[in-house]
Amino acid sequence: MLAPLLPLPASAKTSGVATSQYQTRGAGASALKKFSAADAAANIRTARADLAACRPLLSRKSYGPLLAQIRASAPLKEFEASATSLLSSPRLDADDKKAIGTIRRW
């Protein structure tokens, strides 16, 4: 299930992007699962393959099966944790991390 969006308090700073005025309801970054850099990279590659497999359903506008396929994909569910683990690992240098960006830019 997608997390509902909640308005940020007026005192919160935003980047000016329309979606940045919302935050998701959830456990937060501290509850993210930790992966090794190799496992995180493998999860991200698998998540990309899972998304590519969804293209035919999207082109046919088969939204029910598309949603079921996305919800059934563990790598897609764990994408944020995988990306965070990979970014915090020593496997990437500072330039790579800058090129990827932060969660605000994903």
PDB file of N, CA and C in Angstrom:
ATOM      1  N   MET A   1       0.837  -1.179   0.000  1.00  0.00           N
ATOM      2  CA  MET A   1       0.000   0.000   0.000  1.00  0.00           C
ATOM      3  C   MET A   1       0.873   1.229   0.000  1.00  0.00           C
ATOM      4  N   LEU A   2       0.521   2.203  -0.805  1.00  0.00           N
ATOM      5  CA  LEU A   2       1.278   3.437  -0.842  1.00  0.00           C
ATOM      6  C   LEU A   2       0.985   4.242   0.412  1.00  0.00           C
ATOM      7  N   ALA A   3       2.029   4.882   0.928  1.00  0.00           N
ATOM      8  CA  ALA A   3       1.868   5.673   2.137  1.00  0.00           C
ATOM      9  C   ALA A   3       1.092   6.946   1.810  1.00  0.00           C
ATOM     10  N   PRO A   4       0.134   7.327   2.644  1.00  0.00           N
ATOM     11  CA  PRO A   4      -0.601   8.570   2.390  1.00  0.00           C
ATOM     12  C   PRO A   4       0.327   9.767   2.579  1.00  0.00           C
ATOM     13  N   LEU A   5       0.067  10.827   1.819  1.00  0.00           N
ATOM     14  CA  LEU A   5       0.880  12.031   1.919  1.00  0.00           C
ATOM     15  C   LEU A   5       0.256  12.989   2.912  1.00  0.00           C
ATOM     16  N   LEU A   6       1.099  13.564   3.718  1.00  0.00           N
ATOM     17  CA  LEU A   6       0.653  14.518   4.717  1.00  0.00           C
ATOM     18  C   LEU A   6       1.306  15.868   4.450  1.00  0.00           C
ATOM     19  N   PRO A   7       0.584  16.974   4.625  1.00  0.00           N
ATOM     20  CA  PRO A   7       1.222  18.275   4.442  1.00  0.00           C
ATOM     21  C   PRO A   7       2.294  18.483   5.515  1.00  0.00           C
ATOM     22  N   LEU A   8       3.391  19.103   5.115  1.00  0.00           N
ATOM     23  CA  LEU A   8       4.430  19.462   6.082  1.00  0.00           C
ATOM     24  C   LEU A   8       3.963  20.665   6.880  1.00  0.00           C
ATOM     25  N   PRO A   9       4.477  20.847   8.092  1.00  0.00           N
ATOM     26  CA  PRO A   9       4.134  22.043   8.841  1.00  0.00           C
ATOM     27  C   PRO A   9       4.643  23.289   8.112  1.00  0.00           C
ATOM     28  N   ALA A  10       3.998  24.421   8.344  1.00  0.00           N
ATOM     29  CA  ALA A  10       4.371  25.662   7.671  1.00  0.00           C
ATOM     30  C   ALA A  10       5.821  26.054   7.949  1.00  0.00           C
ATOM     31  N   SER A  11       6.363  25.645   9.096  1.00  0.00           N
ATOM     32  CA  SER A  11       7.728  26.011   9.456  1.00  0.00           C
ATOM     33  C   SER A  11       8.774  25.197   8.711  1.00  0.00           C
ATOM     34  N   ALA A  12       8.367  24.120   8.019  1.00  0.00           N
ATOM     35  CA  ALA A  12       9.325  23.259   7.315  1.00  0.00           C
ATOM     36  C   ALA A  12       9.824  23.947   6.056  1.00  0.00           C
ATOM     37  N   LYS A  13      11.108  23.771   5.770  1.00  0.00           N
ATOM     38  CA  LYS A  13      11.693  24.342   4.569  1.00  0.00           C
ATOM     39  C   LYS A  13      11.456  23.382   3.411  1.00  0.00           C
ATOM     40  N   THR A  14      11.110  23.922   2.265  1.00  0.00           N
ATOM     41  CA  THR A  14      10.916  23.105   1.072  1.00  0.00           C
ATOM     42  C   THR A  14      11.805  23.627  -0.031  1.00  0.00           C
ATOM     43  N   SER A  15      12.046  22.795  -1.033  1.00  0.00           N
ATOM     44  CA  SER A  15      12.920  23.178  -2.129  1.00  0.00           C
ATOM     45  C   SER A  15      12.170  23.907  -3.239  1.00  0.00           C
ATOM     46  N   GLY A  16      10.888  24.105  -3.089  1.00  0.00           N
ATOM     47  CA  GLY A  16      10.114  24.788  -4.100  1.00  0.00           C
ATOM     48  C   GLY A  16       9.464  23.836  -5.094  1.00  0.00           C
ATOM     49  N   VAL A  17       9.798  22.561  -5.029  1.00  0.00           N
ATOM     50  CA  VAL A  17       9.167  21.583  -5.901  1.00  0.00           C
ATOM     51  C   VAL A  17       7.808  21.241  -5.309  1.00  0.00           C
ATOM     52  N   ALA A  18       6.817  21.107  -6.163  1.00  0.00           N
ATOM     53  CA  ALA A  18       5.447  20.908  -5.671  1.00  0.00           C
ATOM     54  C   ALA A  18       5.329  19.710  -4.747  1.00  0.00           C
ATOM     55  N   THR A  19       6.020  18.617  -5.038  1.00  0.00           N
ATOM     56  CA  THR A  19       5.884  17.429  -4.208  1.00  0.00           C
ATOM     57  C   THR A  19       6.666  17.530  -2.912  1.00  0.00           C
ATOM     58  N   SER A  20       7.564  18.502  -2.801  1.00  0.00           N
ATOM     59  CA  SER A  20       8.364  18.595  -1.584  1.00  0.00           C
ATOM     60  C   SER A  20       7.572  19.130  -0.404  1.00  0.00           C
ATOM     61  N   GLN A  21       6.356  19.595  -0.655  1.00  0.00           N
ATOM     62  CA  GLN A  21       5.562  20.091   0.463  1.00  0.00           C
ATOM     63  C   GLN A  21       4.838  18.974   1.201  1.00  0.00           C
ATOM     64  N   TYR A  22       5.067  17.741   0.774  1.00  0.00           N
ATOM     65  CA  TYR A  22       4.436  16.596   1.415  1.00  0.00           C
ATOM     66  C   TYR A  22       5.481  15.652   1.966  1.00  0.00           C
ATOM     67  N   GLN A  23       5.108  14.944   2.977  1.00  0.00           N
ATOM     68  CA  GLN A  23       5.966  13.906   3.535  1.00  0.00           C
ATOM     69  C   GLN A  23       5.141  12.629   3.620  1.00  0.00           C
ATOM     70  N   THR A  24       5.798  11.494   3.604  1.00  0.00           N
ATOM     71  CA  THR A  24       5.057  10.251   3.708  1.00  0.00           C
ATOM     72  C   THR A  24       4.958   9.833   5.160  1.00  0.00           C
ATOM     73  N   ARG A  25       3.886   9.139   5.458  1.00  0.00           N
ATOM     74  CA  ARG A  25       3.696   8.611   6.802  1.00  0.00           C
ATOM     75  C   ARG A  25       4.401   7.268   6.834  1.00  0.00           C
ATOM     76  N   GLY A  26       5.287   7.071   7.769  1.00  0.00           N
ATOM     77  CA  GLY A  26       5.995   5.808   7.826  1.00  0.00           C
ATOM     78  C   GLY A  26       6.964   5.773   8.983  1.00  0.00           C
ATOM     79  N   ALA A  27       7.744   4.711   9.031  1.00  0.00           N
ATOM     80  CA  ALA A  27       8.662   4.513  10.143  1.00  0.00           C
ATOM     81  C   ALA A  27       9.858   5.439  10.075  1.00  0.00           C
ATOM     82  N   GLY A  28      10.177   5.957   8.894  1.00  0.00           N
ATOM     83  CA  GLY A  28      11.304   6.861   8.775  1.00  0.00           C
ATOM     84  C   GLY A  28      12.572   6.127   8.374  1.00  0.00           C
ATOM     85  N   ALA A  29      13.607   6.909   8.118  1.00  0.00           N
ATOM     86  CA  ALA A  29      14.860   6.352   7.609  1.00  0.00           C
ATOM     87  C   ALA A  29      15.553   5.458   8.623  1.00  0.00           C
ATOM     88  N   SER A  30      15.327   5.686   9.895  1.00  0.00           N
ATOM     89  CA  SER A  30      16.019   4.891  10.904  1.00  0.00           C
ATOM     90  C   SER A  30      15.558   3.428  10.911  1.00  0.00           C
ATOM     91  N   ALA A  31      14.384   3.152  10.349  1.00  0.00           N
ATOM     92  CA  ALA A  31      13.863   1.796  10.352  1.00  0.00           C
ATOM     93  C   ALA A  31      14.173   1.055   9.049  1.00  0.00           C
ATOM     94  N   LEU A  32      14.951   1.680   8.157  1.00  0.00           N
ATOM     95  CA  LEU A  32      15.266   1.032   6.890  1.00  0.00           C
ATOM     96  C   LEU A  32      16.191  -0.150   7.109  1.00  0.00           C
ATOM     97  N   LYS A  33      15.958  -1.187   6.330  1.00  0.00           N
ATOM     98  CA  LYS A  33      16.795  -2.381   6.377  1.00  0.00           C
ATOM     99  C   LYS A  33      18.179  -2.041   5.829  1.00  0.00           C
ATOM    100  N   LYS A  34      19.218  -2.608   6.412  1.00  0.00           N
ATOM    101  CA  LYS A  34      20.592  -2.370   5.963  1.00  0.00           C
ATOM    102  C   LYS A  34      21.018  -3.504   5.033  1.00  0.00           C
ATOM    103  N   PHE A  35      21.660  -3.154   3.934  1.00  0.00           N
ATOM    104  CA  PHE A  35      22.181  -4.120   2.977  1.00  0.00           C
ATOM    105  C   PHE A  35      23.672  -3.888   2.799  1.00  0.00           C
ATOM    106  N   SER A  36      24.391  -4.940   2.411  1.00  0.00           N
ATOM    107  CA  SER A  36      25.775  -4.743   2.003  1.00  0.00           C
ATOM    108  C   SER A  36      25.741  -4.024   0.662  1.00  0.00           C
ATOM    109  N   ALA A  37      26.856  -3.420   0.270  1.00  0.00           N
ATOM    110  CA  ALA A  37      26.896  -2.694  -0.999  1.00  0.00           C
ATOM    111  C   ALA A  37      26.589  -3.620  -2.170  1.00  0.00           C
ATOM    112  N   ALA A  38      27.122  -4.835  -2.142  1.00  0.00           N
ATOM    113  CA  ALA A  38      26.883  -5.789  -3.233  1.00  0.00           C
ATOM    114  C   ALA A  38      25.407  -6.191  -3.292  1.00  0.00           C
ATOM    115  N   ASP A  39      24.794  -6.450  -2.137  1.00  0.00           N
ATOM    116  CA  ASP A  39      23.384  -6.826  -2.104  1.00  0.00           C
ATOM    117  C   ASP A  39      22.495  -5.656  -2.537  1.00  0.00           C
ATOM    118  N   ALA A  40      22.854  -4.450  -2.111  1.00  0.00           N
ATOM    119  CA  ALA A  40      22.085  -3.267  -2.487  1.00  0.00           C
ATOM    120  C   ALA A  40      22.130  -3.055  -3.995  1.00  0.00           C
ATOM    121  N   ALA A  41      23.316  -3.185  -4.588  1.00  0.00           N
ATOM    122  CA  ALA A  41      23.445  -3.027  -6.037  1.00  0.00           C
ATOM    123  C   ALA A  41      22.647  -4.108  -6.771  1.00  0.00           C
ATOM    124  N   ALA A  42      22.691  -5.333  -6.279  1.00  0.00           N
ATOM    125  CA  ALA A  42      21.925  -6.419  -6.897  1.00  0.00           C
ATOM    126  C   ALA A  42      20.422  -6.165  -6.788  1.00  0.00           C
ATOM    127  N   ASN A  43      19.971  -5.660  -5.630  1.00  0.00           N
ATOM    128  CA  ASN A  43      18.547  -5.343  -5.449  1.00  0.00           C
ATOM    129  C   ASN A  43      18.101  -4.248  -6.408  1.00  0.00           C
ATOM    130  N   ILE A  44      18.937  -3.254  -6.615  1.00  0.00           N
ATOM    131  CA  ILE A  44      18.581  -2.155  -7.517  1.00  0.00           C
ATOM    132  C   ILE A  44      18.509  -2.660  -8.956  1.00  0.00           C
ATOM    133  N   ARG A  45      19.459  -3.510  -9.353  1.00  0.00           N
ATOM    134  CA  ARG A  45      19.397  -4.092 -10.706  1.00  0.00           C
ATOM    135  C   ARG A  45      18.137  -4.938 -10.877  1.00  0.00           C
ATOM    136  N   THR A  46      17.781  -5.718  -9.857  1.00  0.00           N
ATOM    137  CA  THR A  46      16.569  -6.543  -9.927  1.00  0.00           C
ATOM    138  C   THR A  46      15.318  -5.668  -9.973  1.00  0.00           C
ATOM    139  N   ALA A  47      15.306  -4.576  -9.208  1.00  0.00           N
ATOM    140  CA  ALA A  47      14.165  -3.655  -9.219  1.00  0.00           C
ATOM    141  C   ALA A  47      13.990  -3.042 -10.611  1.00  0.00           C
ATOM    142  N   ARG A  48      15.101  -2.696 -11.264  1.00  0.00           N
ATOM    143  CA  ARG A  48      15.019  -2.154 -12.631  1.00  0.00           C
ATOM    144  C   ARG A  48      14.437  -3.191 -13.579  1.00  0.00           C
ATOM    145  N   ALA A  49      14.850  -4.440 -13.435  1.00  0.00           N
ATOM    146  CA  ALA A  49      14.317  -5.507 -14.288  1.00  0.00           C
ATOM    147  C   ALA A  49      12.824  -5.717 -14.016  1.00  0.00           C
ATOM    148  N   ASP A  50      12.426  -5.634 -12.744  1.00  0.00           N
ATOM    149  CA  ASP A  50      11.010  -5.771 -12.395  1.00  0.00           C
ATOM    150  C   ASP A  50      10.181  -4.646 -13.012  1.00  0.00           C
ATOM    151  N   LEU A  51      10.725  -3.426 -13.006  1.00  0.00           N
ATOM    152  CA  LEU A  51      10.013  -2.306 -13.625  1.00  0.00           C
ATOM    153  C   LEU A  51       9.917  -2.491 -15.135  1.00  0.00           C
ATOM    154  N   ALA A  52      10.982  -2.985 -15.751  1.00  0.00           N
ATOM    155  CA  ALA A  52      10.951  -3.231 -17.193  1.00  0.00           C
ATOM    156  C   ALA A  52       9.894  -4.274 -17.540  1.00  0.00           C
ATOM    157  N   ALA A  53       9.716  -5.255 -16.674  1.00  0.00           N
ATOM    158  CA  ALA A  53       8.696  -6.285 -16.901  1.00  0.00           C
ATOM    159  C   ALA A  53       7.280  -5.723 -16.783  1.00  0.00           C
ATOM    160  N   CYS A  54       7.137  -4.570 -16.160  1.00  0.00           N
ATOM    161  CA  CYS A  54       5.824  -3.934 -15.998  1.00  0.00           C
ATOM    162  C   CYS A  54       5.402  -3.135 -17.227  1.00  0.00           C
ATOM    163  N   ARG A  55       6.326  -2.839 -18.124  1.00  0.00           N
ATOM    164  CA  ARG A  55       6.007  -1.991 -19.283  1.00  0.00           C
ATOM    165  C   ARG A  55       4.857  -2.531 -20.135  1.00  0.00           C
ATOM    166  N   PRO A  56       4.827  -3.837 -20.450  1.00  0.00           N
ATOM    167  CA  PRO A  56       3.692  -4.323 -21.269  1.00  0.00           C
ATOM    168  C   PRO A  56       2.336  -4.102 -20.583  1.00  0.00           C
ATOM    169  N   LEU A  57       2.286  -4.295 -19.280  1.00  0.00           N
ATOM    170  CA  LEU A  57       1.032  -4.075 -18.558  1.00  0.00           C
ATOM    171  C   LEU A  57       0.644  -2.606 -18.594  1.00  0.00           C
ATOM    172  N   LEU A  58       1.613  -1.737 -18.475  1.00  0.00           N
ATOM    173  CA  LEU A  58       1.343  -0.305 -18.510  1.00  0.00           C
ATOM    174  C   LEU A  58       0.865   0.122 -19.893  1.00  0.00           C
ATOM    175  N   SER A  59       1.490  -0.402 -20.940  1.00  0.00           N
ATOM    176  CA  SER A  59       1.075  -0.031 -22.294  1.00  0.00           C
ATOM    177  C   SER A  59      -0.331  -0.541 -22.615  1.00  0.00           C
ATOM    178  N   ARG A  60      -0.731  -1.659 -22.014  1.00  0.00           N
ATOM    179  CA  ARG A  60      -2.093  -2.185 -22.204  1.00  0.00           C
ATOM    180  C   ARG A  60      -3.093  -1.564 -21.226  1.00  0.00           C
ATOM    181  N   LYS A  61      -2.598  -0.701 -20.358  1.00  0.00           N
ATOM    182  CA  LYS A  61      -3.422  -0.048 -19.328  1.00  0.00           C
ATOM    183  C   LYS A  61      -4.084  -1.076 -18.414  1.00  0.00           C
ATOM    184  N   SER A  62      -3.340  -2.142 -18.113  1.00  0.00           N
ATOM    185  CA  SER A  62      -3.805  -3.182 -17.191  1.00  0.00           C
ATOM    186  C   SER A  62      -3.343  -2.810 -15.791  1.00  0.00           C
ATOM    187  N   TYR A  63      -4.017  -1.847 -15.193  1.00  0.00           N
ATOM    188  CA  TYR A  63      -3.543  -1.273 -13.939  1.00  0.00           C
ATOM    189  C   TYR A  63      -3.648  -2.216 -12.748  1.00  0.00           C
ATOM    190  N   GLY A  64      -4.662  -3.059 -12.699  1.00  0.00           N
ATOM    191  CA  GLY A  64      -4.792  -4.006 -11.592  1.00  0.00           C
ATOM    192  C   GLY A  64      -3.619  -4.972 -11.533  1.00  0.00           C
ATOM    193  N   PRO A  65      -3.345  -5.695 -12.641  1.00  0.00           N
ATOM    194  CA  PRO A  65      -2.195  -6.590 -12.639  1.00  0.00           C
ATOM    195  C   PRO A  65      -0.861  -5.852 -12.467  1.00  0.00           C
ATOM    196  N   LEU A  66      -0.785  -4.630 -12.997  1.00  0.00           N
ATOM    197  CA  LEU A  66       0.427  -3.827 -12.839  1.00  0.00           C
ATOM    198  C   LEU A  66       0.687  -3.530 -11.366  1.00  0.00           C
ATOM    199  N   LEU A  67      -0.330  -3.095 -10.670  1.00  0.00           N
ATOM    200  CA  LEU A  67      -0.194  -2.802  -9.245  1.00  0.00           C
ATOM    201  C   LEU A  67       0.154  -4.057  -8.460  1.00  0.00           C
ATOM    202  N   ALA A  68      -0.464  -5.177  -8.806  1.00  0.00           N
ATOM    203  CA  ALA A  68      -0.163  -6.439  -8.119  1.00  0.00           C
ATOM    204  C   ALA A  68       1.293  -6.847  -8.339  1.00  0.00           C
ATOM    205  N   GLN A  69       1.787  -6.648  -9.557  1.00  0.00           N
ATOM    206  CA  GLN A  69       3.172  -7.013  -9.857  1.00  0.00           C
ATOM    207  C   GLN A  69       4.149  -6.115  -9.108  1.00  0.00           C
ATOM    208  N   ILE A  70       3.841  -4.840  -9.026  1.00  0.00           N
ATOM    209  CA  ILE A  70       4.716  -3.915  -8.294  1.00  0.00           C
ATOM    210  C   ILE A  70       4.712  -4.245  -6.810  1.00  0.00           C
ATOM    211  N   ARG A  71       3.543  -4.506  -6.260  1.00  0.00           N
ATOM    212  CA  ARG A  71       3.450  -4.830  -4.830  1.00  0.00           C
ATOM    213  C   ARG A  71       4.130  -6.155  -4.488  1.00  0.00           C
ATOM    214  N   ALA A  72       4.202  -7.078  -5.454  1.00  0.00           N
ATOM    215  CA  ALA A  72       4.811  -8.388  -5.209  1.00  0.00           C
ATOM    216  C   ALA A  72       6.328  -8.364  -5.322  1.00  0.00           C
ATOM    217  N   SER A  73       6.879  -7.280  -5.825  1.00  0.00           N
ATOM    218  CA  SER A  73       8.324  -7.196  -6.044  1.00  0.00           C
ATOM    219  C   SER A  73       9.043  -6.741  -4.776  1.00  0.00           C
ATOM    220  N   ALA A  74       9.754  -7.654  -4.138  1.00  0.00           N
ATOM    221  CA  ALA A  74      10.511  -7.303  -2.928  1.00  0.00           C
ATOM    222  C   ALA A  74      11.589  -6.259  -3.214  1.00  0.00           C
ATOM    223  N   PRO A  75      12.339  -6.355  -4.335  1.00  0.00           N
ATOM    224  CA  PRO A  75      13.348  -5.324  -4.596  1.00  0.00           C
ATOM    225  C   PRO A  75      12.758  -3.924  -4.764  1.00  0.00           C
ATOM    226  N   LEU A  76      11.555  -3.828  -5.331  1.00  0.00           N
ATOM    227  CA  LEU A  76      10.932  -2.511  -5.444  1.00  0.00           C
ATOM    228  C   LEU A  76      10.512  -1.987  -4.073  1.00  0.00           C
ATOM    229  N   LYS A  77      10.026  -2.880  -3.226  1.00  0.00           N
ATOM    230  CA  LYS A  77       9.640  -2.472  -1.874  1.00  0.00           C
ATOM    231  C   LYS A  77      10.853  -2.002  -1.077  1.00  0.00           C
ATOM    232  N   GLU A  78      12.000  -2.588  -1.355  1.00  0.00           N
ATOM    233  CA  GLU A  78      13.215  -2.291  -0.595  1.00  0.00           C
ATOM    234  C   GLU A  78      14.143  -1.330  -1.328  1.00  0.00           C
ATOM    235  N   PHE A  79      13.630  -0.628  -2.346  1.00  0.00           N
ATOM    236  CA  PHE A  79      14.490   0.240  -3.137  1.00  0.00           C
ATOM    237  C   PHE A  79      15.139   1.331  -2.284  1.00  0.00           C
ATOM    238  N   GLU A  80      14.363   1.996  -1.460  1.00  0.00           N
ATOM    239  CA  GLU A  80      14.918   3.087  -0.652  1.00  0.00           C
ATOM    240  C   GLU A  80      16.017   2.578   0.269  1.00  0.00           C
ATOM    241  N   ALA A  81      15.786   1.446   0.910  1.00  0.00           N
ATOM    242  CA  ALA A  81      16.799   0.878   1.797  1.00  0.00           C
ATOM    243  C   ALA A  81      18.044   0.470   1.007  1.00  0.00           C
ATOM    244  N   SER A  82      17.841  -0.086  -0.184  1.00  0.00           N
ATOM    245  CA  SER A  82      18.981  -0.477  -1.015  1.00  0.00           C
ATOM    246  C   SER A  82      19.776   0.744  -1.460  1.00  0.00           C
ATOM    247  N   ALA A  83      19.084   1.766  -1.920  1.00  0.00           N
ATOM    248  CA  ALA A  83      19.760   2.982  -2.377  1.00  0.00           C
ATOM    249  C   ALA A  83      20.493   3.668  -1.225  1.00  0.00           C
ATOM    250  N   THR A  84      19.871   3.722  -0.063  1.00  0.00           N
ATOM    251  CA  THR A  84      20.512   4.341   1.099  1.00  0.00           C
ATOM    252  C   THR A  84      21.739   3.547   1.524  1.00  0.00           C
ATOM    253  N   SER A  85      21.633   2.229   1.523  1.00  0.00           N
ATOM    254  CA  SER A  85      22.779   1.385   1.885  1.00  0.00           C
ATOM    255  C   SER A  85      23.923   1.568   0.891  1.00  0.00           C
ATOM    256  N   LEU A  86      23.602   1.629  -0.387  1.00  0.00           N
ATOM    257  CA  LEU A  86      24.632   1.804  -1.399  1.00  0.00           C
ATOM    258  C   LEU A  86      25.288   3.174  -1.284  1.00  0.00           C
ATOM    259  N   LEU A  87      24.492   4.197  -1.040  1.00  0.00           N
ATOM    260  CA  LEU A  87      25.054   5.551  -0.906  1.00  0.00           C
ATOM    261  C   LEU A  87      25.911   5.700   0.338  1.00  0.00           C
ATOM    262  N   SER A  88      25.609   4.965   1.386  1.00  0.00           N
ATOM    263  CA  SER A  88      26.394   5.094   2.615  1.00  0.00           C
ATOM    264  C   SER A  88      27.593   4.153   2.641  1.00  0.00           C
ATOM    265  N   SER A  89      27.735   3.345   1.600  1.00  0.00           N
ATOM    266  CA  SER A  89      28.854   2.402   1.566  1.00  0.00           C
ATOM    267  C   SER A  89      30.103   3.070   0.992  1.00  0.00           C
ATOM    268  N   PRO A  90      31.274   2.508   1.271  1.00  0.00           N
ATOM    269  CA  PRO A  90      32.510   3.056   0.700  1.00  0.00           C
ATOM    270  C   PRO A  90      32.711   2.664  -0.765  1.00  0.00           C
ATOM    271  N   ARG A  91      31.778   1.913  -1.324  1.00  0.00           N
ATOM    272  CA  ARG A  91      31.898   1.460  -2.709  1.00  0.00           C
ATOM    273  C   ARG A  91      31.788   2.612  -3.706  1.00  0.00           C
ATOM    274  N   LEU A  92      31.078   3.655  -3.332  1.00  0.00           N
ATOM    275  CA  LEU A  92      30.931   4.835  -4.190  1.00  0.00           C
ATOM    276  C   LEU A  92      31.816   5.952  -3.670  1.00  0.00           C
ATOM    277  N   ASP A  93      32.412   6.703  -4.584  1.00  0.00           N
ATOM    278  CA  ASP A  93      33.203   7.854  -4.140  1.00  0.00           C
ATOM    279  C   ASP A  93      32.300   9.088  -4.080  1.00  0.00           C
ATOM    280  N   ALA A  94      32.849  10.199  -3.646  1.00  0.00           N
ATOM    281  CA  ALA A  94      32.055  11.412  -3.433  1.00  0.00           C
ATOM    282  C   ALA A  94      31.403  11.901  -4.718  1.00  0.00           C
ATOM    283  N   ASP A  95      32.111  11.806  -5.843  1.00  0.00           N
ATOM    284  CA  ASP A  95      31.535  12.258  -7.109  1.00  0.00           C
ATOM    285  C   ASP A  95      30.347  11.398  -7.525  1.00  0.00           C
ATOM    286  N   ASP A  96      30.444  10.088  -7.309  1.00  0.00           N
ATOM    287  CA  ASP A  96      29.320   9.204  -7.623  1.00  0.00           C
ATOM    288  C   ASP A  96      28.107   9.545  -6.765  1.00  0.00           C
ATOM    289  N   LYS A  97      28.352   9.793  -5.502  1.00  0.00           N
ATOM    290  CA  LYS A  97      27.251  10.123  -4.593  1.00  0.00           C
ATOM    291  C   LYS A  97      26.588  11.438  -4.988  1.00  0.00           C
ATOM    292  N   LYS A  98      27.388  12.424  -5.414  1.00  0.00           N
ATOM    293  CA  LYS A  98      26.819  13.697  -5.869  1.00  0.00           C
ATOM    294  C   LYS A  98      25.998  13.494  -7.132  1.00  0.00           C
ATOM    295  N   ALA A  99      26.487  12.648  -8.031  1.00  0.00           N
ATOM    296  CA  ALA A  99      25.766  12.406  -9.284  1.00  0.00           C
ATOM    297  C   ALA A  99      24.420  11.738  -9.034  1.00  0.00           C
ATOM    298  N   ILE A 100      24.359  10.855  -8.057  1.00  0.00           N
ATOM    299  CA  ILE A 100      23.112  10.176  -7.725  1.00  0.00           C
ATOM    300  C   ILE A 100      22.145  11.143  -7.071  1.00  0.00           C
ATOM    301  N   GLY A 101      22.641  11.968  -6.170  1.00  0.00           N
ATOM    302  CA  GLY A 101      21.796  12.939  -5.502  1.00  0.00           C
ATOM    303  C   GLY A 101      21.262  12.415  -4.180  1.00  0.00           C
ATOM    304  N   THR A 102      20.239  13.054  -3.720  1.00  0.00           N
ATOM    305  CA  THR A 102      19.623  12.688  -2.432  1.00  0.00           C
ATOM    306  C   THR A 102      18.190  12.257  -2.670  1.00  0.00           C
ATOM    307  N   ILE A 103      17.539  11.812  -1.633  1.00  0.00           N
ATOM    308  CA  ILE A 103      16.156  11.333  -1.730  1.00  0.00           C
ATOM    309  C   ILE A 103      15.221  12.447  -2.222  1.00  0.00           C
ATOM    310  N   ARG A 104      15.548  13.681  -1.977  1.00  0.00           N
ATOM    311  CA  ARG A 104      14.704  14.774  -2.450  1.00  0.00           C
ATOM    312  C   ARG A 104      14.697  14.868  -3.967  1.00  0.00           C
ATOM    313  N   ARG A 105      15.776  14.368  -4.595  1.00  0.00           N
ATOM    314  CA  ARG A 105      15.870  14.449  -6.055  1.00  0.00           C
ATOM    315  C   ARG A 105      15.442  13.162  -6.730  1.00  0.00           C
ATOM    316  N   TRP A 106      15.149  12.088  -6.027  1.00  0.00           N
ATOM    317  CA  TRP A 106      14.760  10.819  -6.650  1.00  0.00           C
ATOM    318  C   TRP A 106      13.427  10.955  -7.299  1.00  0.00           C
TER     319      TRP A 106
END
